C-alpha atoms as a PDB file:
ATOM      1  CA  MET A   1      -0.286 -75.231  41.439  1.00  0.00           C
ATOM      2  CA  GLY A   2       1.223 -73.613  44.315  1.00  0.00           C
ATOM      3  CA  THR A   3       0.167 -72.550  47.782  1.00  0.00           C
ATOM      4  CA  THR A   4       0.563 -68.804  47.367  1.00  0.00           C
ATOM      5  CA  SER A   5      -2.563 -67.068  48.595  1.00  0.00           C
ATOM      6  CA  THR A   6      -4.010 -63.865  47.311  1.00  0.00           C
ATOM      7  CA  PRO A   7      -3.379 -61.367  49.543  1.00  0.00           C
ATOM      8  CA  ALA A   8      -6.121 -59.353  51.127  1.00  0.00           C
ATOM      9  CA  PRO A   9      -6.242 -55.516  51.513  1.00  0.00           C
ATOM     10  CA  PRO A  10      -5.035 -54.192  54.807  1.00  0.00           C
ATOM     11  CA  ALA A  11      -8.390 -53.917  56.391  1.00  0.00           C
ATOM     12  CA  ILE A  12     -11.665 -55.838  55.383  1.00  0.00           C
ATOM     13  CA  PRO A  13     -13.871 -54.447  56.458  1.00  0.00           C
ATOM     14  CA  ILE A  14     -12.580 -50.785  56.244  1.00  0.00           C
ATOM     15  CA  ALA A  15     -11.124 -49.796  59.907  1.00  0.00           C
ATOM     16  CA  THR A  16     -11.903 -46.103  59.814  1.00  0.00           C
ATOM     17  CA  ALA A  17     -15.133 -44.510  59.517  1.00  0.00           C
ATOM     18  CA  THR A  18     -14.371 -43.580  55.754  1.00  0.00           C
ATOM     19  CA  VAL A  19     -11.883 -44.263  53.110  1.00  0.00           C
ATOM     20  CA  SER A  20     -11.297 -43.727  49.450  1.00  0.00           C
ATOM     21  CA  THR A  21     -12.889 -46.159  46.912  1.00  0.00           C
ATOM     22  CA  ASP A  22      -9.255 -46.895  45.825  1.00  0.00           C
ATOM     23  CA  ASP A  23      -9.164 -48.830  49.298  1.00  0.00           C
ATOM     24  CA  LEU A  24     -11.157 -51.255  47.297  1.00  0.00           C
ATOM     25  CA  ILE A  25      -8.964 -52.027  44.426  1.00  0.00           C
ATOM     26  CA  LEU A  26      -7.434 -55.456  44.649  1.00  0.00           C
ATOM     27  CA  PHE A  27      -4.295 -54.898  42.310  1.00  0.00           C
ATOM     28  CA  PRO A  28      -3.167 -51.263  42.053  1.00  0.00           C
ATOM     29  CA  PRO A  29      -3.034 -49.891  38.425  1.00  0.00           C
ATOM     30  CA  VAL A  30       0.861 -49.251  37.348  1.00  0.00           C
ATOM     31  CA  GLN A  31       1.431 -45.345  37.151  1.00  0.00           C
ATOM     32  CA  PRO A  32       2.716 -43.779  33.965  1.00  0.00           C
ATOM     33  CA  GLY A  33       5.723 -42.632  35.680  1.00  0.00           C
ATOM     34  CA  ASP A  34       6.741 -46.361  36.515  1.00  0.00           C
ATOM     35  CA  TYR A  35       6.280 -47.651  32.812  1.00  0.00           C
ATOM     36  CA  ALA A  36       9.925 -46.869  31.866  1.00  0.00           C
ATOM     37  CA  ALA A  37      11.477 -48.839  34.739  1.00  0.00           C
ATOM     38  CA  LEU A  38       8.877 -51.664  34.257  1.00  0.00           C
ATOM     39  CA  ALA A  39       9.469 -51.945  30.680  1.00  0.00           C
ATOM     40  CA  LYS A  40      13.466 -51.677  31.031  1.00  0.00           C
ATOM     41  CA  ALA A  41      13.192 -54.776  33.682  1.00  0.00           C
ATOM     42  CA  GLY A  42      11.289 -56.908  31.235  1.00  0.00           C
ATOM     43  CA  THR A  43       8.090 -56.798  33.440  1.00  0.00           C
ATOM     44  CA  ILE A  44       5.983 -55.328  30.591  1.00  0.00           C
ATOM     45  CA  PRO A  45       5.899 -57.017  27.277  1.00  0.00           C
ATOM     46  CA  PRO A  46       5.224 -55.247  24.250  1.00  0.00           C
ATOM     47  CA  TYR A  47       1.896 -53.665  23.688  1.00  0.00           C
ATOM     48  CA  ASP A  48      -0.480 -55.922  21.671  1.00  0.00           C
ATOM     49  CA  THR A  49      -3.110 -53.920  20.139  1.00  0.00           C
ATOM     50  CA  THR A  50      -5.354 -57.134  19.403  1.00  0.00           C
ATOM     51  CA  LYS A  51      -6.035 -57.388  23.223  1.00  0.00           C
ATOM     52  CA  LEU A  52      -7.738 -55.336  25.631  1.00  0.00           C
ATOM     53  CA  PHE A  53      -5.510 -52.669  27.480  1.00  0.00           C
ATOM     54  CA  LYS A  54      -4.465 -53.906  31.041  1.00  0.00           C
ATOM     55  CA  ASP A  55      -2.768 -51.724  33.570  1.00  0.00           C
ATOM     56  CA  TRP A  56      -2.621 -54.408  36.496  1.00  0.00           C
ATOM     57  CA  VAL A  57      -1.652 -57.995  37.364  1.00  0.00           C
ATOM     58  CA  ASP A  58      -2.542 -60.414  39.808  1.00  0.00           C
ATOM     59  CA  PRO A  59       0.687 -61.764  40.996  1.00  0.00           C
ATOM     60  CA  ASN A  60      -0.773 -65.219  42.089  1.00  0.00           C
ATOM     61  CA  ALA A  61      -2.955 -65.886  39.037  1.00  0.00           C
ATOM     62  CA  LEU A  62      -0.527 -68.495  37.789  1.00  0.00           C
ATOM     63  CA  THR A  63       0.169 -70.108  41.121  1.00  0.00           C
ATOM     64  CA  ALA A  64      -3.023 -69.984  43.194  1.00  0.00           C
ATOM     65  CA  PRO A  65      -4.645 -73.131  43.902  1.00  0.00           C
ATOM     66  CA  ALA A  66      -8.369 -73.582  42.277  1.00  0.00           C
ATOM     67  CA  THR A  67     -11.178 -72.707  44.999  1.00  0.00           C
ATOM     68  CA  SER A  68     -14.608 -73.756  45.153  1.00  0.00           C
ATOM     69  CA  GLY A  69     -15.937 -70.441  45.189  1.00  0.00           C
ATOM     70  CA  PRO A  70     -15.483 -66.743  45.574  1.00  0.00           C
ATOM     71  CA  ASP A  71     -13.114 -65.828  48.539  1.00  0.00           C
ATOM     72  CA  PRO A  72     -15.654 -64.078  50.910  1.00  0.00           C
ATOM     73  CA  LEU A  73     -13.545 -60.865  51.497  1.00  0.00           C
ATOM     74  CA  THR A  74     -11.833 -60.441  48.219  1.00  0.00           C
ATOM     75  CA  GLY A  75     -14.425 -61.915  46.036  1.00  0.00           C
ATOM     76  CA  ILE A  76     -11.899 -63.760  43.672  1.00  0.00           C
ATOM     77  CA  TRP A  77     -12.421 -67.259  42.440  1.00  0.00           C
ATOM     78  CA  TYR A  78      -9.705 -69.328  41.014  1.00  0.00           C
ATOM     79  CA  MET A  79     -12.220 -71.678  39.013  1.00  0.00           C
ATOM     80  CA  ASP A  80      -9.680 -74.046  37.615  1.00  0.00           C
ATOM     81  CA  ALA A  81      -6.237 -74.230  36.259  1.00  0.00           C
ATOM     82  CA  VAL A  82      -7.072 -71.894  33.278  1.00  0.00           C
ATOM     83  CA  ASN A  83      -9.881 -69.381  34.376  1.00  0.00           C
ATOM     84  CA  VAL A  84     -10.194 -67.070  37.061  1.00  0.00           C
ATOM     85  CA  LEU A  85     -13.342 -64.902  38.151  1.00  0.00           C
ATOM     86  CA  TYR A  86     -12.634 -61.329  39.701  1.00  0.00           C
ATOM     87  CA  PRO A  87     -15.231 -58.820  41.243  1.00  0.00           C
ATOM     88  CA  THR A  88     -15.703 -55.431  39.949  1.00  0.00           C
ATOM     89  CA  LEU A  89     -17.424 -52.490  41.230  1.00  0.00           C
ATOM     90  CA  SER A  90     -19.152 -49.705  39.518  1.00  0.00           C
ATOM     91  CA  TRP A  91     -21.632 -46.856  41.045  1.00  0.00           C
ATOM     92  CA  SER A  92     -23.597 -43.711  40.592  1.00  0.00           C
ATOM     93  CA  VAL A  93     -24.639 -40.685  42.443  1.00  0.00           C
ATOM     94  CA  GLY A  94     -28.281 -39.792  42.024  1.00  0.00           C
ATOM     95  CA  ALA A  95     -30.657 -37.024  43.026  1.00  0.00           C
ATOM     96  CA  GLY A  96     -30.144 -36.232  47.018  1.00  0.00           C
ATOM     97  CA  GLY A  97     -26.815 -37.977  46.938  1.00  0.00           C
ATOM     98  CA  VAL A  98     -28.237 -41.368  46.685  1.00  0.00           C
ATOM     99  CA  VAL A  99     -25.512 -43.986  45.707  1.00  0.00           C
ATOM    100  CA  THR A 100     -26.276 -46.726  43.473  1.00  0.00           C
ATOM    101  CA  VAL A 101     -23.955 -49.611  43.522  1.00  0.00           C
ATOM    102  CA  THR A 102     -23.643 -52.134  40.921  1.00  0.00           C
ATOM    103  CA  PRO A 103     -21.319 -55.336  41.549  1.00  0.00           C
ATOM    104  CA  GLY A 104     -19.948 -57.104  38.423  1.00  0.00           C
ATOM    105  CA  HIS A 105     -17.514 -59.654  37.331  1.00  0.00           C
ATOM    106  CA  LEU A 106     -14.515 -60.154  35.182  1.00  0.00           C
ATOM    107  CA  LEU A 107     -13.889 -63.626  33.658  1.00  0.00           C
ATOM    108  CA  ILE A 108     -10.175 -63.981  32.153  1.00  0.00           C
ATOM    109  CA  THR A 109      -7.634 -66.462  32.042  1.00  0.00           C
ATOM    110  CA  ARG A 110      -4.996 -66.906  34.449  1.00  0.00           C
ATOM    111  CA  ALA A 111      -2.325 -65.992  31.769  1.00  0.00           C
ATOM    112  CA  GLU A 112      -4.102 -62.879  31.107  1.00  0.00           C
ATOM    113  CA  ALA A 113      -4.582 -62.116  34.736  1.00  0.00           C
ATOM    114  CA  ALA A 114      -0.741 -62.469  35.021  1.00  0.00           C
ATOM    115  CA  ALA A 115       0.437 -60.121  32.375  1.00  0.00           C
ATOM    116  CA  PHE A 116       0.282 -56.334  31.504  1.00  0.00           C
ATOM    117  CA  ASN A 117      -0.758 -55.347  28.117  1.00  0.00           C
ATOM    118  CA  LEU A 118       0.390 -51.684  28.208  1.00  0.00           C
ATOM    119  CA  ALA A 119       1.087 -48.913  25.631  1.00  0.00           C
ATOM    120  CA  ALA A 120       3.718 -46.254  26.322  1.00  0.00           C
ATOM    121  CA  PRO A 121       2.391 -43.474  28.179  1.00  0.00           C
ATOM    122  CA  THR A 122       1.390 -40.372  25.799  1.00  0.00           C
ATOM    123  CA  VAL A 123       2.904 -37.814  28.350  1.00  0.00           C
ATOM    124  CA  GLU A 124       5.091 -39.202  31.229  1.00  0.00           C
ATOM    125  CA  ASN A 125       3.104 -39.169  34.673  1.00  0.00           C
ATOM    126  CA  LEU A 126      -0.088 -37.793  32.681  1.00  0.00           C
ATOM    127  CA  GLY A 127      -1.624 -41.255  31.092  1.00  0.00           C
ATOM    128  CA  PHE A 128      -1.321 -44.068  29.079  1.00  0.00           C
ATOM    129  CA  ALA A 129      -2.480 -44.509  25.286  1.00  0.00           C
ATOM    130  CA  PRO A 130      -5.063 -47.503  25.661  1.00  0.00           C
ATOM    131  CA  GLY A 131      -5.085 -48.001  21.764  1.00  0.00           C
ATOM    132  CA  ALA A 132      -7.222 -47.409  19.018  1.00  0.00           C
ATOM    133  CA  ALA A 133     -10.297 -49.425  20.475  1.00  0.00           C
ATOM    134  CA  ASN A 134      -9.587 -47.481  23.832  1.00  0.00           C
ATOM    135  CA  VAL A 135     -10.990 -50.548  25.908  1.00  0.00           C
ATOM    136  CA  VAL A 136      -9.673 -51.365  29.102  1.00  0.00           C
ATOM    137  CA  ARG A 137      -9.838 -54.300  31.478  1.00  0.00           C
ATOM    138  CA  PRO A 138     -11.515 -52.894  34.611  1.00  0.00           C
ATOM    139  CA  VAL A 139      -9.587 -53.259  37.685  1.00  0.00           C
ATOM    140  CA  PRO A 140     -10.735 -55.620  40.170  1.00  0.00           C
ATOM    141  CA  MET A 141     -12.360 -54.357  43.446  1.00  0.00           C
ATOM    142  CA  ARG A 142     -13.472 -56.494  46.253  1.00  0.00           C
ATOM    143  CA  PRO A 143     -17.208 -56.714  47.260  1.00  0.00           C
ATOM    144  CA  LEU A 144     -18.634 -54.345  50.061  1.00  0.00           C
ATOM    145  CA  GLN A 145     -18.925 -56.032  53.297  1.00  0.00           C
ATOM    146  CA  PRO A 146     -22.352 -56.098  55.131  1.00  0.00           C
ATOM    147  CA  CYS A 147     -21.254 -53.120  57.335  1.00  0.00           C
ATOM    148  CA  GLU A 148     -19.932 -51.067  54.641  1.00  0.00           C
ATOM    149  CA  SER A 149     -21.785 -48.739  51.980  1.00  0.00           C
ATOM    150  CA  LEU A 150     -20.858 -46.177  49.643  1.00  0.00           C
ATOM    151  CA  VAL A 151     -21.528 -42.393  50.610  1.00  0.00           C
ATOM    152  CA  PRO A 152     -21.216 -39.075  48.815  1.00  0.00           C
ATOM    153  CA  GLU A 153     -18.009 -37.321  49.652  1.00  0.00           C
ATOM    154  CA  PRO A 154     -18.821 -34.092  51.583  1.00  0.00           C
ATOM    155  CA  LEU A 155     -17.471 -31.873  49.054  1.00  0.00           C
ATOM    156  CA  GLY A 156     -19.347 -33.522  46.154  1.00  0.00           C
ATOM    157  CA  MET A 157     -16.270 -34.791  44.656  1.00  0.00           C
ATOM    158  CA  GLY A 158     -17.265 -38.520  44.358  1.00  0.00           C
ATOM    159  CA  VAL A 159     -18.083 -41.177  46.960  1.00  0.00           C
ATOM    160  CA  LEU A 160     -16.363 -42.571  49.825  1.00  0.00           C
ATOM    161  CA  VAL A 161     -16.337 -46.142  51.528  1.00  0.00           C
ATOM    162  CA  GLN A 162     -18.043 -45.807  54.777  1.00  0.00           C
ATOM    163  CA  ASN A 163     -17.829 -48.498  57.531  1.00  0.00           C
ATOM    164  CA  ASN A 164     -21.577 -47.879  58.922  1.00  0.00           C
ATOM    165  CA  THR A 165     -20.847 -49.261  62.401  1.00  0.00           C
ATOM    166  CA  ILE A 166     -17.789 -46.989  63.111  1.00  0.00           C
ATOM    167  CA  ALA A 167     -19.443 -44.071  61.458  1.00  0.00           C
ATOM    168  CA  ALA A 168     -22.658 -44.544  63.649  1.00  0.00           C
ATOM    169  CA  GLN A 169     -20.397 -44.994  66.656  1.00  0.00           C
ATOM    170  CA  GLN A 170     -18.787 -41.554  65.848  1.00  0.00           C
ATOM    171  CA  GLN A 171     -21.958 -39.999  65.493  1.00  0.00           C
ATOM    172  CA  ALA A 172     -23.270 -41.094  68.998  1.00  0.00           C
ATOM    173  CA  GLN A 173     -20.209 -39.761  70.297  1.00  0.00           C
ATOM    174  CA  ALA A 174     -20.315 -36.383  68.762  1.00  0.00           C
ATOM    175  CA  ALA A 175     -24.101 -36.158  69.795  1.00  0.00           C
ATOM    176  CA  THR A 176     -23.067 -37.234  73.505  1.00  0.00           C
ATOM    177  CA  ALA A 177     -20.384 -34.470  73.385  1.00  0.00           C
ATOM    178  CA  ALA A 178     -22.588 -32.031  71.970  1.00  0.00           C
ATOM    179  CA  ALA A 179     -25.270 -32.545  74.481  1.00  0.00           C
ATOM    180  CA  ALA A 180     -22.863 -32.313  77.815  1.00  0.00           C
ATOM    181  CA  ALA A 181     -21.558 -29.060  76.251  1.00  0.00           C
ATOM    182  CA  ALA A 182     -24.964 -27.836  76.116  1.00  0.00           C
ATOM    183  CA  ALA A 183     -25.624 -28.704  79.433  1.00  0.00           C
ATOM    184  CA  THR A 184     -22.542 -27.083  80.885  1.00  0.00           C
ATOM    185  CA  PRO A 185     -23.222 -23.482  82.173  1.00  0.00           C
ATOM    186  CA  VAL A 186     -21.055 -20.760  80.724  1.00  0.00           C
ATOM    187  CA  VAL A 187     -19.069 -18.783  83.280  1.00  0.00           C
ATOM    188  CA  PHE A 188     -18.090 -15.446  82.397  1.00  0.00           C
ATOM    189  CA  ASN A 189     -15.214 -13.570  84.013  1.00  0.00           C
ATOM    190  CA  GLN A 190     -16.911 -10.590  84.768  1.00  0.00           C
ATOM    191  CA  ARG A 191     -13.745  -8.357  85.313  1.00  0.00           C
ATOM    192  CA  ALA A 192     -12.177  -9.613  82.048  1.00  0.00           C
ATOM    193  CA  MET A 193     -15.532  -8.368  80.181  1.00  0.00           C
ATOM    194  CA  ASP A 194     -15.458  -5.103  82.099  1.00  0.00           C
ATOM    195  CA  MET A 195     -11.805  -4.358  80.877  1.00  0.00           C
ATOM    196  CA  LEU A 196     -12.722  -5.253  77.438  1.00  0.00           C
ATOM    197  CA  THR A 197     -15.791  -3.385  77.448  1.00  0.00           C
ATOM    198  CA  TRP A 198     -13.686   0.005  78.464  1.00  0.00           C
ATOM    199  CA  LEU A 199     -10.992  -0.856  76.016  1.00  0.00           C
ATOM    200  CA  CYS A 200     -13.547  -0.814  73.190  1.00  0.00           C
ATOM    201  CA  ALA A 201     -15.215   2.627  74.285  1.00  0.00           C
ATOM    202  CA  ASN A 202     -12.002   4.349  74.568  1.00  0.00           C
ATOM    203  CA  ALA A 203     -10.064   2.808  72.010  1.00  0.00           C
ATOM    204  CA  GLY A 204      -7.925   5.509  70.177  1.00  0.00           C
ATOM    205  CA  ALA A 205      -8.774   8.126  72.944  1.00  0.00           C
ATOM    206  CA  PRO A 206      -5.484  10.192  74.184  1.00  0.00           C
ATOM    207  CA  ASN A 207      -4.411  10.329  77.519  1.00  0.00           C
ATOM    208  CA  VAL A 208      -6.916   8.071  79.198  1.00  0.00           C
ATOM    209  CA  THR A 209      -6.028   6.473  82.407  1.00  0.00           C
ATOM    210  CA  ARG A 210      -7.117   2.879  82.490  1.00  0.00           C
ATOM    211  CA  PRO A 211      -9.213   2.472  85.341  1.00  0.00           C
ATOM    212  CA  ASN A 212      -8.153  -0.289  87.989  1.00  0.00           C
ATOM    213  CA  LEU A 213     -10.759  -3.087  87.352  1.00  0.00           C
END
């Protein structure tokens, strides 16, 4: 085995208040528009209909040394010379926007983890054809960290990953700014207000001399 380590996502936990759940994906799936170039380069072997459709690869699957347990950040466990255990994540949004998170696992061989099993896209850039069984290997997603949670997207379009610590800090800063604004007296420019009142009262009137306010 080599010494190549599994690359972690850019920031664990996330470094902003909220990000897309795509930031939890450990190995980004191949996009349909990239299929032709990858197939031509020999990166994608012929589609095997006897195996599950799989549009991602772990570049370290064949070389990473075995570990004693899951990585605390990525959740990946290279169990031995043959098998590897990946974390997965699913969720649902219930009444009142309550998000229920269900962690899971995917146990496969290193050889399968290191290889694509893709059918050609049915329509370029629109989607793949997973085959008759239509069963897909889930994409590994890292576990949420203690300071992270999934929250409903404000427009109701799904969920976001939230760094609860940063979100709380931003909420506190916003509350402080709002309190300061409320405590600041509003100073009116009386001359400007008088001019505006006159303009509104005389709008459209002919031959009216503007007063020297």
